[in-house]
Protein backbone atom coordinates (compact mmCIF):
# COMPACT_ATOMS: atom_id res chain seq x y z
CA MET A 1 8.68 -35.96 3.91
CA THR A 2 11.67 -34.05 5.15
CA SER A 3 12.44 -29.92 4.96
CA SER A 4 14.61 -30.57 2.10
CA GLU A 5 12.73 -32.90 0.04
CA PHE A 6 9.58 -30.72 0.91
CA THR A 7 11.03 -27.71 0.20
CA SER A 8 12.67 -29.55 -3.08
CA ALA A 9 8.28 -30.59 -4.23
CA SER A 10 7.82 -27.29 -3.49
CA GLN A 11 9.92 -26.01 -5.97
CA ASP A 12 9.46 -28.07 -8.44
CA ASP A 13 5.04 -27.38 -7.87
CA ILE A 14 5.32 -24.40 -8.65
CA SER A 15 8.10 -23.74 -11.38
CA LEU A 16 6.81 -24.29 -14.74
CA PRO A 17 9.37 -23.41 -17.21
CA GLY A 18 11.57 -25.37 -15.47
CA PHE A 19 9.93 -28.44 -15.49
CA ILE A 20 9.02 -28.09 -18.74
CA GLY A 21 12.85 -28.02 -19.57
CA ARG A 22 12.73 -30.84 -17.73
CA GLU A 23 9.45 -33.60 -18.85
CA LYS A 24 8.41 -31.84 -22.29
CA THR A 25 5.63 -33.84 -22.42
CA GLY A 26 1.61 -33.04 -22.84
CA LYS A 27 0.41 -35.11 -19.86
CA LYS A 28 2.87 -33.85 -17.16
CA VAL A 29 1.90 -30.13 -18.73
CA LEU A 30 -1.55 -30.65 -17.74
CA ALA A 31 -0.44 -32.50 -14.64
CA TRP A 32 0.91 -28.88 -13.73
CA LEU A 33 -2.68 -27.26 -15.09
CA GLY A 34 -4.65 -29.50 -12.15
CA ARG A 35 -2.82 -28.69 -9.86
CA HIS A 36 -3.12 -25.04 -10.33
CA ARG A 37 -6.26 -24.68 -11.73
CA TRP A 38 -7.58 -22.28 -8.97
CA LEU A 39 -4.69 -20.41 -9.49
CA LEU A 40 -5.30 -20.14 -13.12
CA LEU A 41 -9.22 -19.57 -12.86
CA VAL A 42 -8.06 -16.70 -10.50
CA LEU A 43 -5.11 -15.58 -12.84
CA THR A 44 -8.04 -15.29 -15.66
CA ILE A 45 -10.50 -13.70 -14.26
CA ALA A 46 -8.30 -11.00 -12.92
CA LEU A 47 -6.56 -10.62 -16.03
CA LEU A 48 -10.19 -10.00 -17.99
CA LEU A 49 -11.10 -7.34 -15.69
CA ARG A 50 -7.55 -5.57 -16.20
CA ALA A 51 -8.04 -5.78 -19.72
CA PHE A 52 -11.94 -4.51 -19.17
CA THR A 53 -10.65 -1.44 -16.92
CA VAL A 54 -7.87 -0.53 -19.81
CA LEU A 55 -9.93 -0.76 -22.57
CA GLY A 56 -12.88 0.96 -20.24
CA TYR A 57 -11.36 3.44 -19.25
CA ARG A 58 -9.25 6.03 -21.44
CA PRO A 59 -6.18 7.08 -20.84
CA ALA A 60 -6.21 6.41 -16.61
CA TRP A 61 -7.24 8.46 -13.79
CA ILE A 62 -5.94 12.02 -12.88
CA TYR A 63 -6.43 12.95 -9.71
CA TRP A 64 -6.35 17.44 -9.22
CA PHE A 65 -3.29 17.17 -6.55
CA ASP A 66 -1.32 14.06 -6.17
CA SER A 67 -0.93 12.66 -10.37
CA PHE A 68 -0.25 15.87 -11.15
CA THR A 69 2.87 16.12 -8.06
CA TYR A 70 4.09 13.48 -9.56
CA LEU A 71 4.26 13.92 -13.25
CA ASN A 72 5.87 17.37 -12.80
CA ALA A 73 8.41 15.96 -10.80
CA ALA A 74 9.11 12.70 -13.04
CA MET A 75 9.75 15.57 -16.25
CA GLU A 76 11.71 18.73 -13.87
CA LEU A 77 13.59 14.95 -12.88
CA ARG A 78 13.35 17.16 -8.86
CA PRO A 79 12.05 15.98 -6.07
CA GLU A 80 8.52 18.04 -4.69
CA GLN A 81 9.17 19.76 -1.60
CA GLY A 82 5.68 18.64 -0.68
CA TRP A 83 4.91 15.29 1.62
CA GLN A 84 5.45 12.90 -1.34
CA PRO A 85 8.70 11.82 -1.68
CA GLY A 86 10.16 10.95 -5.15
CA GLY A 87 10.40 7.17 -5.94
CA TYR A 88 7.13 7.13 -7.74
CA PRO A 89 8.10 10.22 -9.90
CA LEU A 90 11.65 8.62 -10.49
CA PHE A 91 9.11 5.64 -12.13
CA LEU A 92 6.62 7.98 -14.24
CA TRP A 93 10.70 9.13 -15.43
CA LEU A 94 11.59 5.64 -16.52
CA LEU A 95 8.05 5.43 -18.79
CA TRP A 96 7.83 9.02 -19.39
CA PRO A 97 9.73 7.95 -23.66
CA MET A 98 6.42 6.12 -24.04
CA GLY A 99 4.15 9.59 -23.43
CA SER A 100 1.63 7.41 -22.14
CA THR A 101 -0.19 7.63 -18.93
CA ALA A 102 -2.09 5.07 -20.40
CA PHE A 103 0.42 2.61 -20.98
CA ILE A 104 1.36 3.44 -17.23
CA ALA A 105 -1.86 1.94 -16.43
CA VAL A 106 -1.48 -1.46 -17.86
CA VAL A 107 2.61 -1.41 -16.04
CA GLN A 108 0.51 -1.00 -13.47
CA HIS A 109 -2.00 -3.65 -13.51
CA LEU A 110 0.28 -6.22 -14.69
CA MET A 111 2.61 -4.94 -11.09
CA GLY A 112 -1.08 -5.53 -9.53
CA LEU A 113 -0.94 -9.33 -11.00
CA SER A 114 2.38 -9.98 -9.33
CA VAL A 115 1.45 -9.26 -6.40
CA GLY A 116 -1.05 -12.01 -6.30
CA LEU A 117 1.80 -14.43 -8.81
CA ILE A 118 4.57 -13.61 -5.29
CA ILE A 119 1.57 -13.94 -2.47
CA TYR A 120 0.73 -17.59 -4.65
CA MET A 121 3.86 -19.10 -4.89
CA LEU A 122 5.26 -18.45 -1.81
CA LEU A 123 1.87 -19.66 0.02
CA ARG A 124 2.49 -23.04 -2.39
CA ARG A 125 6.35 -23.51 -1.46
CA LYS A 126 4.86 -22.96 2.59
CA GLY A 127 3.01 -25.85 1.97
CA VAL A 128 -0.69 -24.25 1.76
CA SER A 129 -3.08 -25.90 -0.56
CA ASP A 130 -3.99 -24.32 -3.31
CA VAL A 131 -7.37 -24.00 -2.70
CA ILE A 132 -6.41 -22.27 0.03
CA ALA A 133 -3.44 -19.62 -1.82
CA ALA A 134 -5.72 -19.32 -4.15
CA ILE A 135 -8.72 -17.42 -2.19
CA ALA A 136 -5.28 -15.82 -0.31
CA ILE A 137 -4.95 -13.46 -3.69
CA ALA A 138 -8.55 -13.32 -4.41
CA PRO A 139 -9.01 -10.44 -2.69
CA GLN A 140 -6.07 -8.12 -3.55
CA LEU A 141 -7.15 -9.52 -8.16
CA LEU A 142 -10.36 -9.59 -7.93
CA ASP A 143 -11.51 -6.65 -5.74
CA ALA A 144 -12.78 -3.77 -7.91
CA SER A 145 -11.09 -1.24 -5.68
CA PHE A 146 -7.91 -2.31 -6.67
CA LEU A 147 -8.97 -2.01 -10.06
CA ARG A 148 -9.13 1.28 -10.13
CA LEU A 149 -5.90 2.21 -8.20
CA GLU A 150 -3.87 0.47 -10.61
CA HIS A 151 -5.74 2.41 -13.42
CA ALA A 152 -5.13 5.95 -11.55
CA ILE A 153 -1.86 8.00 -12.15
CA LEU A 154 -0.24 7.15 -7.81
CA SER A 155 2.27 5.92 -5.53
CA ASP A 156 0.00 2.60 -4.89
CA ALA A 157 0.42 0.08 -7.12
CA LEU A 158 4.41 0.56 -7.13
CA PHE A 159 4.39 0.48 -2.95
CA ILE A 160 1.82 -2.59 -2.62
CA LEU A 161 4.59 -4.20 -5.60
CA LEU A 162 7.59 -3.28 -3.48
CA VAL A 163 6.24 -4.00 0.36
CA VAL A 164 4.21 -7.83 -0.41
CA ALA A 165 7.41 -8.61 -2.50
CA GLY A 166 10.40 -7.67 0.71
CA VAL A 167 7.74 -9.25 2.75
CA VAL A 168 8.23 -12.32 0.09
CA ALA A 169 11.48 -12.27 0.54
CA LEU A 170 11.80 -12.85 3.96
CA LEU A 171 9.55 -15.25 4.36
CA TRP A 172 10.95 -17.53 0.71
CA PRO A 173 14.21 -19.39 2.62
CA MET A 174 13.27 -21.75 5.45
CA HIS A 175 16.57 -19.95 6.58
CA LEU A 176 17.09 -16.45 6.14
CA THR A 177 20.03 -15.70 4.58
CA VAL A 178 22.64 -12.81 3.53
CA ARG A 179 20.72 -12.35 -0.05
CA HIS A 180 17.03 -12.37 0.93
CA VAL A 181 17.67 -9.54 3.54
CA LEU A 182 19.85 -7.93 1.48
CA LEU A 183 17.60 -8.38 -0.91
CA ALA A 184 14.51 -7.57 0.77
CA GLY A 185 16.22 -4.51 2.41
CA LEU A 186 16.65 -3.28 -0.88
CA LEU A 187 12.39 -3.33 -1.85
CA LEU A 188 11.35 -2.48 1.26
CA GLY A 189 13.95 0.81 1.31
CA SER A 190 12.65 1.62 -1.97
CA ALA A 191 9.28 1.38 -0.80
CA SER A 192 10.36 4.07 1.26
CA VAL A 193 10.61 6.10 -1.18
CA VAL A 194 7.82 6.03 -2.93
CA ARG A 195 5.98 6.38 0.36
CA THR A 196 7.30 7.19 3.84
CA ILE A 197 4.95 5.37 6.25
CA ALA A 198 7.54 2.43 4.40
CA LEU A 199 10.35 3.92 7.26
CA PRO A 200 8.43 3.09 10.25
CA LEU A 201 7.87 -0.34 8.63
CA ILE A 202 10.79 -1.27 8.11
CA CYS A 203 11.76 -0.07 11.76
CA LEU A 204 9.13 -2.75 12.83
CA ILE A 205 10.10 -5.38 10.75
CA ILE A 206 13.74 -5.24 11.99
CA LEU A 207 11.55 -5.59 15.48
CA CYS A 208 9.85 -8.85 13.94
CA LEU A 209 12.65 -10.63 12.95
CA ALA A 210 14.19 -10.58 16.15
CA LEU A 211 11.40 -11.04 17.97
CA GLY A 212 9.97 -14.02 16.10
CA ARG A 213 13.03 -15.67 13.67
CA SER A 214 16.81 -16.40 14.30
CA VAL A 215 18.36 -14.25 12.15
CA GLY A 216 21.36 -13.19 13.89
CA TRP A 217 23.10 -9.49 14.60
CA ARG A 218 24.67 -9.39 11.76
CA ARG A 219 21.92 -10.33 9.48
CA LEU A 220 20.01 -7.73 10.95
CA GLY A 221 22.20 -5.16 10.44
CA ILE A 222 22.58 -5.59 6.68
CA PHE A 223 18.88 -5.76 6.09
CA ALA A 224 18.99 -2.25 7.92
CA ALA A 225 21.87 -0.99 5.86
CA ALA A 226 20.59 -1.91 2.36
CA ALA A 227 16.74 -0.92 3.66
CA MET A 228 18.79 2.94 3.70
CA LEU A 229 20.78 2.47 0.15
CA PRO A 230 17.72 3.79 -1.57
CA ILE A 231 16.90 6.32 1.78
CA ALA A 232 20.20 7.45 1.19
CA GLY A 233 20.77 8.13 -2.37
CA HIS A 234 17.43 9.81 -2.79
CA GLY A 235 18.54 12.05 0.36
CA VAL A 236 21.36 12.46 -1.96
CA TRP A 237 19.29 13.59 -4.60
CA PHE A 238 16.81 15.72 -2.43
CA LEU A 239 20.56 17.72 -1.36
CA GLN A 240 21.60 18.42 -5.10
CA ALA A 241 17.88 19.75 -5.54
CA HIS A 242 16.65 21.47 -2.51
CA GLY A 243 19.97 22.09 -0.19
CA SER A 244 18.90 19.45 2.36
CA PHE A 245 18.85 15.72 2.74
CA SER A 246 15.59 14.61 3.28
CA LEU A 247 12.41 12.27 2.02
CA THR A 248 10.51 14.80 2.10
CA GLY A 249 10.47 18.55 1.59
CA GLY A 250 8.47 18.61 5.30
CA ASN A 251 4.82 19.50 5.78
CA THR A 252 4.88 16.05 7.71
CA GLY A 253 4.07 18.19 10.94
CA ALA A 254 0.64 19.09 9.31
CA LEU A 255 -0.56 16.27 9.09
CA LEU A 256 0.42 15.23 12.82
CA TRP A 257 -1.92 18.35 13.22
CA ALA A 258 -4.76 17.67 11.51
CA ARG A 259 -4.59 14.47 13.18
CA VAL A 260 -5.32 15.70 16.64
CA MET A 261 -7.97 17.92 15.63
CA THR A 262 -10.53 16.06 16.42
CA PHE A 263 -9.97 16.12 20.05
CA ALA A 264 -7.73 18.15 20.32
CA ASP A 265 -8.86 20.82 23.53
CA CYS A 266 -5.96 23.48 24.73
CA SER A 267 -7.54 23.85 27.99
CA ILE A 268 -5.73 20.06 28.83
CA ILE A 269 -3.18 20.73 26.64
CA ASN A 270 -1.56 24.50 27.17
CA PRO A 271 0.75 24.96 24.82
CA PRO A 272 3.29 27.48 25.13
CA ALA A 273 2.51 31.21 23.59
CA ASP A 274 4.46 30.32 19.96
CA GLU A 275 1.96 27.39 19.70
CA ALA A 276 -1.12 28.44 20.83
CA ALA A 277 -1.70 29.60 17.53
CA PHE A 278 -2.32 26.29 17.23
CA CYS A 279 -5.12 25.63 19.23
CA PRO A 280 -9.13 24.99 17.46
CA ASN A 281 -10.28 28.18 16.36
CA GLY A 282 -14.00 27.01 16.20
CA ILE A 283 -14.12 25.28 12.85
CA VAL A 284 -14.95 21.78 12.97
CA LYS A 285 -14.59 19.10 10.18
CA ASP A 286 -16.39 15.87 9.50
CA ALA A 287 -12.75 14.63 9.05
CA ALA A 288 -9.26 14.88 10.03
CA SER A 289 -7.29 15.80 6.83
CA GLU A 290 -10.07 18.08 6.09
CA TYR A 291 -8.64 20.31 8.35
CA VAL A 292 -5.00 20.15 6.28
CA TRP A 293 -7.54 21.68 3.20
CA ASP A 294 -9.48 24.31 5.38
CA PRO A 295 -8.51 27.65 4.43
CA GLY A 296 -10.03 29.11 7.97
CA SER A 297 -8.02 26.53 9.78
CA ALA A 298 -5.84 27.51 12.20
CA LEU A 299 -3.03 25.81 10.00
CA ASN A 300 -3.71 27.55 7.15
CA ARG A 301 -4.55 30.91 9.01
CA TYR A 302 -0.44 31.34 10.36
CA ALA A 303 1.04 34.09 9.66
CA GLY A 304 4.55 32.53 9.67
CA ASP A 305 6.42 31.09 7.09
CA THR A 306 5.82 28.02 6.15
CA GLU A 307 8.92 25.58 7.48
CA MET A 308 8.31 27.38 10.90
CA ARG A 309 4.45 26.93 10.80
CA ASP A 310 5.34 22.78 9.92
CA ARG A 311 7.69 22.78 13.10
CA LEU A 312 5.24 24.01 15.42
CA ALA A 313 2.64 21.85 14.43
CA ALA A 314 4.34 19.12 14.67
CA ARG A 315 4.83 20.40 18.15
CA PHE A 316 1.84 21.30 19.43
CA ALA A 317 0.70 17.59 17.75
CA LEU A 318 3.12 15.90 19.85
CA ARG A 319 2.01 18.14 23.54
CA ALA A 320 -1.68 16.77 22.67
CA ILE A 321 -0.94 13.39 22.18
CA LEU A 322 1.04 13.61 25.60
CA ALA A 323 -1.82 15.45 27.18
CA GLN A 324 -4.74 13.45 25.67
CA PRO A 325 -3.09 10.17 24.94
CA LEU A 326 -6.78 7.90 25.29
CA ASP A 327 -8.47 10.41 23.01
CA TYR A 328 -6.02 10.20 20.37
CA LEU A 329 -6.27 6.08 20.81
CA TRP A 330 -9.75 6.35 20.60
CA ASN A 331 -10.12 8.52 17.15
CA VAL A 332 -7.61 6.93 16.25
CA THR A 333 -10.13 3.21 17.12
CA GLN A 334 -12.29 5.02 15.71
CA ASP A 335 -11.14 5.70 12.66
CA THR A 336 -9.60 3.04 11.90
CA SER A 337 -12.91 0.77 12.62
CA ILE A 338 -14.71 2.62 9.11
CA ALA A 339 -12.43 -0.09 7.59
CA PHE A 340 -14.93 -2.99 8.74
CA ALA A 341 -18.27 -0.97 8.21
CA LEU A 342 -20.35 -3.56 5.96
CA THR A 343 -21.57 -0.73 4.29
CA PRO A 344 -18.84 1.60 2.64
CA ILE A 345 -18.41 4.90 4.76
CA ALA A 346 -17.56 7.91 2.92
CA HIS A 347 -14.79 9.25 4.85
CA PRO A 348 -14.74 12.40 4.34
CA LYS A 349 -18.64 12.60 3.80
CA ARG A 350 -17.54 14.49 0.03
CA THR A 351 -15.91 11.47 -0.72
CA THR A 352 -17.22 8.61 -2.93
CA PRO A 353 -15.71 5.32 -1.10
CA ALA A 354 -15.91 2.52 -3.16
CA TYR A 355 -17.72 1.53 -6.70
CA GLY A 356 -15.68 4.19 -8.13
CA PHE A 357 -16.85 3.52 -11.82
CA GLY A 358 -19.17 5.18 -13.69
CA LEU A 359 -20.34 6.23 -17.06
CA GLY A 360 -19.33 8.78 -18.65
CA SER A 361 -16.53 11.91 -19.28
CA TRP A 362 -15.10 12.90 -16.71
CA VAL A 363 -12.57 16.78 -17.56
CA THR A 364 -10.20 16.79 -15.25
CA PRO A 365 -10.77 20.23 -12.61
CA ASP A 366 -7.95 22.13 -13.70
CA ASN A 367 -5.06 22.84 -12.41
CA PRO A 368 -1.55 25.26 -13.10
CA LEU A 369 0.33 22.07 -14.09
CA LEU A 370 -2.39 20.56 -16.56
CA ASP A 371 -0.96 22.55 -19.49
CA SER A 372 2.38 21.64 -18.91
CA VAL A 373 2.32 18.17 -18.02
CA ARG A 374 -0.58 17.66 -20.91
CA GLU A 375 2.35 19.85 -23.91
CA ARG A 376 4.92 17.56 -22.30
CA TYR A 377 3.90 14.32 -20.80
CA ASP A 378 1.13 12.95 -22.73
CA PRO A 379 -1.56 15.23 -25.36
CA ALA A 380 -4.60 13.30 -24.02
CA ILE A 381 -4.35 14.49 -20.75
CA GLY A 382 -7.45 16.31 -19.41
CA THR A 383 -10.56 14.42 -19.89
CA LEU A 384 -11.16 10.91 -18.55
CA ARG A 385 -13.91 8.90 -20.90
CA SER A 386 -15.58 5.61 -20.29
CA VAL A 387 -15.72 3.16 -23.60
CA ASP A 388 -18.62 0.56 -23.78
CA PRO A 389 -19.11 -2.49 -23.43
CA TYR A 390 -16.59 -2.96 -21.28
CA ALA A 391 -17.38 0.27 -19.04
CA SER A 392 -20.82 -1.32 -18.08
CA ILE A 393 -19.59 -4.55 -17.19
CA LEU A 394 -17.08 -3.07 -14.62
CA VAL A 395 -20.07 -0.59 -12.98
CA ARG A 396 -22.34 -3.92 -12.80
CA TYR A 397 -19.36 -6.36 -11.53
CA GLN A 398 -18.48 -3.43 -8.60
CA TYR A 399 -21.12 -4.30 -6.46
CA VAL A 400 -20.49 -7.81 -6.61
CA GLY A 401 -16.31 -7.56 -6.34
CA TYR A 402 -15.62 -5.48 -3.25
CA LEU A 403 -14.31 -6.80 -0.13
CA HIS A 404 -17.16 -5.79 2.52
CA GLY A 405 -15.66 -4.82 5.72
CA PRO A 406 -17.12 -7.61 7.98
CA LEU A 407 -14.83 -9.86 5.63
CA LYS A 408 -11.52 -7.69 5.88
CA LEU A 409 -11.82 -8.19 9.90
CA LEU A 410 -12.64 -11.43 9.23
CA ILE A 411 -9.31 -11.52 7.29
CA VAL A 412 -7.35 -10.03 10.41
CA LEU A 413 -8.25 -11.42 12.96
CA VAL A 414 -8.27 -15.20 11.33
CA GLY A 415 -4.23 -13.68 11.22
CA THR A 416 -3.97 -13.34 14.49
CA ALA A 417 -4.92 -16.29 15.56
CA GLY A 418 -1.79 -17.54 13.50
CA LEU A 419 0.13 -15.95 16.10
CA VAL A 420 -1.09 -18.58 18.72
CA CYS A 421 0.03 -21.30 15.73
CA ARG A 422 3.01 -20.20 14.93
CA PRO A 423 4.48 -17.10 14.98
CA ARG A 424 7.90 -17.33 13.44
CA ARG A 425 6.14 -17.21 10.54
CA ALA A 426 2.93 -15.49 10.66
CA LEU A 427 4.58 -11.92 12.53
CA VAL A 428 6.07 -10.44 9.83
CA PRO A 429 3.34 -10.08 7.29
CA TRP A 430 0.14 -9.61 9.92
CA ALA A 431 2.33 -6.87 11.86
CA ALA A 432 3.36 -5.50 8.24
CA GLY A 433 -0.78 -5.86 7.50
CA MET A 434 -1.87 -4.36 10.81
CA PHE A 435 0.36 -1.21 10.75
CA LEU A 436 -0.35 -0.40 6.85
CA LEU A 437 -3.84 -0.28 8.12
CA VAL A 438 -3.26 1.45 11.50
CA GLY A 439 -0.31 3.89 10.08
CA PRO A 440 -2.25 5.99 8.25
CA VAL A 441 -4.76 7.28 10.76
CA MET A 442 -2.29 7.61 13.51
CA VAL A 443 -0.61 10.11 11.08
CA LEU A 444 -3.06 11.94 9.36
CA ASP A 445 -6.93 10.19 9.15
CA PHE A 446 -8.79 7.13 7.75
CA ASP A 447 -8.72 6.97 3.80
CA HIS A 448 -10.11 3.42 1.66
CA ARG A 449 -7.38 4.18 -1.00
CA TYR A 450 -4.83 3.35 2.33
CA VAL A 451 -6.12 0.02 3.69
CA LEU A 452 -5.60 -1.12 0.19
CA PRO A 453 -2.14 -2.26 0.58
CA ALA A 454 -2.52 -4.08 4.16
CA ILE A 455 -4.59 -6.52 2.33
CA PRO A 456 -2.21 -8.53 0.92
CA LEU A 457 0.09 -8.80 4.02
CA LEU A 458 -3.04 -9.72 5.56
CA SER A 459 -4.55 -12.29 3.28
CA LEU A 460 -1.04 -13.82 3.35
CA ALA A 461 -0.34 -13.78 7.48
CA ALA A 462 -4.54 -15.88 7.23
CA ALA A 463 -3.66 -18.11 4.58
CA LEU A 464 -0.87 -19.42 6.45
CA ALA A 465 -2.87 -19.64 9.99
CA VAL A 466 -5.56 -21.57 8.00
CA HIS A 467 -2.95 -23.72 7.11
CA ASP A 468 -1.74 -23.65 10.37
CA LEU A 469 -4.92 -24.69 11.79
CA LEU A 470 -6.28 -27.10 9.44
CA GLY A 471 -2.46 -29.45 10.77
CA LEU A 472 -3.68 -28.85 14.44
CA TRP A 473 -6.73 -30.67 13.81
CA ARG A 474 -5.76 -32.93 12.11
CA LYS A 475 -3.26 -34.09 14.17
CA LYS A 476 -6.21 -33.77 17.52
CA SER A 477 -8.50 -36.07 15.17
CA SER A 478 -5.56 -38.51 14.23
């Protein structure tokens, strides 16, 4: 089969509406359903699980700091001056007319389903079997952790969709066209204004494209320019609101400072006098991120203004990394390895690492923005309650529907093997997934929540690898 015949066959195979338009016969429809029966099985279960989540937990999970910050920024239509950019608040603003956080959760659940669908369509287009493609999307569609994440007023569901769609746009054509690099750049640039971790991800993808595919400088330039458009737009918005061109209002230095607190030794670092105030002061926490919030930490006891504090904290952190590079790498590796534990590890210990579905009602902790958000955005905000029988089903399901650490490690290893077979097409999803896994740990700390955006991309890379490895095995056998 030629490449053009393969592409044509693949497109016909996955394009149901056009297929029906040409052949309006029940036999053809049944044939299509038969070819994608494993997709339909996974999608049906995924849809039921999301329906149970919407019905079983009302209205949606609201987190004390992040959710209120996002909702307030949406109501004010103004980016916050913290470390979260304004992309997700803009999304919440668009949904504000519905006046319902439950509706937001429904939209985010649909986003989760969309991620699985576009990965499946890409894999089938690349010749991957329906069974392997369905298995590849199962972790993201069926893991209870994704159900809970999509049901929360958090930026992750939107971020995952934008990143995955951007990577799929790059992999979709046999040869990258201007249209595809333009679309991918816009999607990944939009992801950067939702979570800033996508900004270095764009740089990594440019490097991967330059090394792994025959893209050409013109297309690389178009991709970079397209990615900069949403970022520049956000910068202008932030400039109008706060007087500076930026993605965030700072505090990123505080995050990197917290990262180095798990190993910093000022007798080795030897910081200058203005940075010495950020040396460890005897407080020991069980996770790097805890140093950001502890009122007794050196960061929070600094007497100067916030802007100066952030600048000095960043300088101290970079100095610590340069002075103790092996300690830094060891701590990043050690924290990242938590993702691969057989039993979920609480990190920090005060958190619930998995199995977050429960029974009962939960009053949102008091927040200065609570009354305003409840009055202006959704009166139902304030108490989350479980509803049976749906909640009880999810409580039981979560112990089965969880991607344990060794399976995550297997996905990583299989995807890595794919780099040996066909690095040109496996490199981008594998590198992007690995960066999303390790990147947050490098700049702050490990969080089970931050592992989830890496899973769809690593599963995509693993599925491509399995397909290629099977192809090599068949060639050797014949």
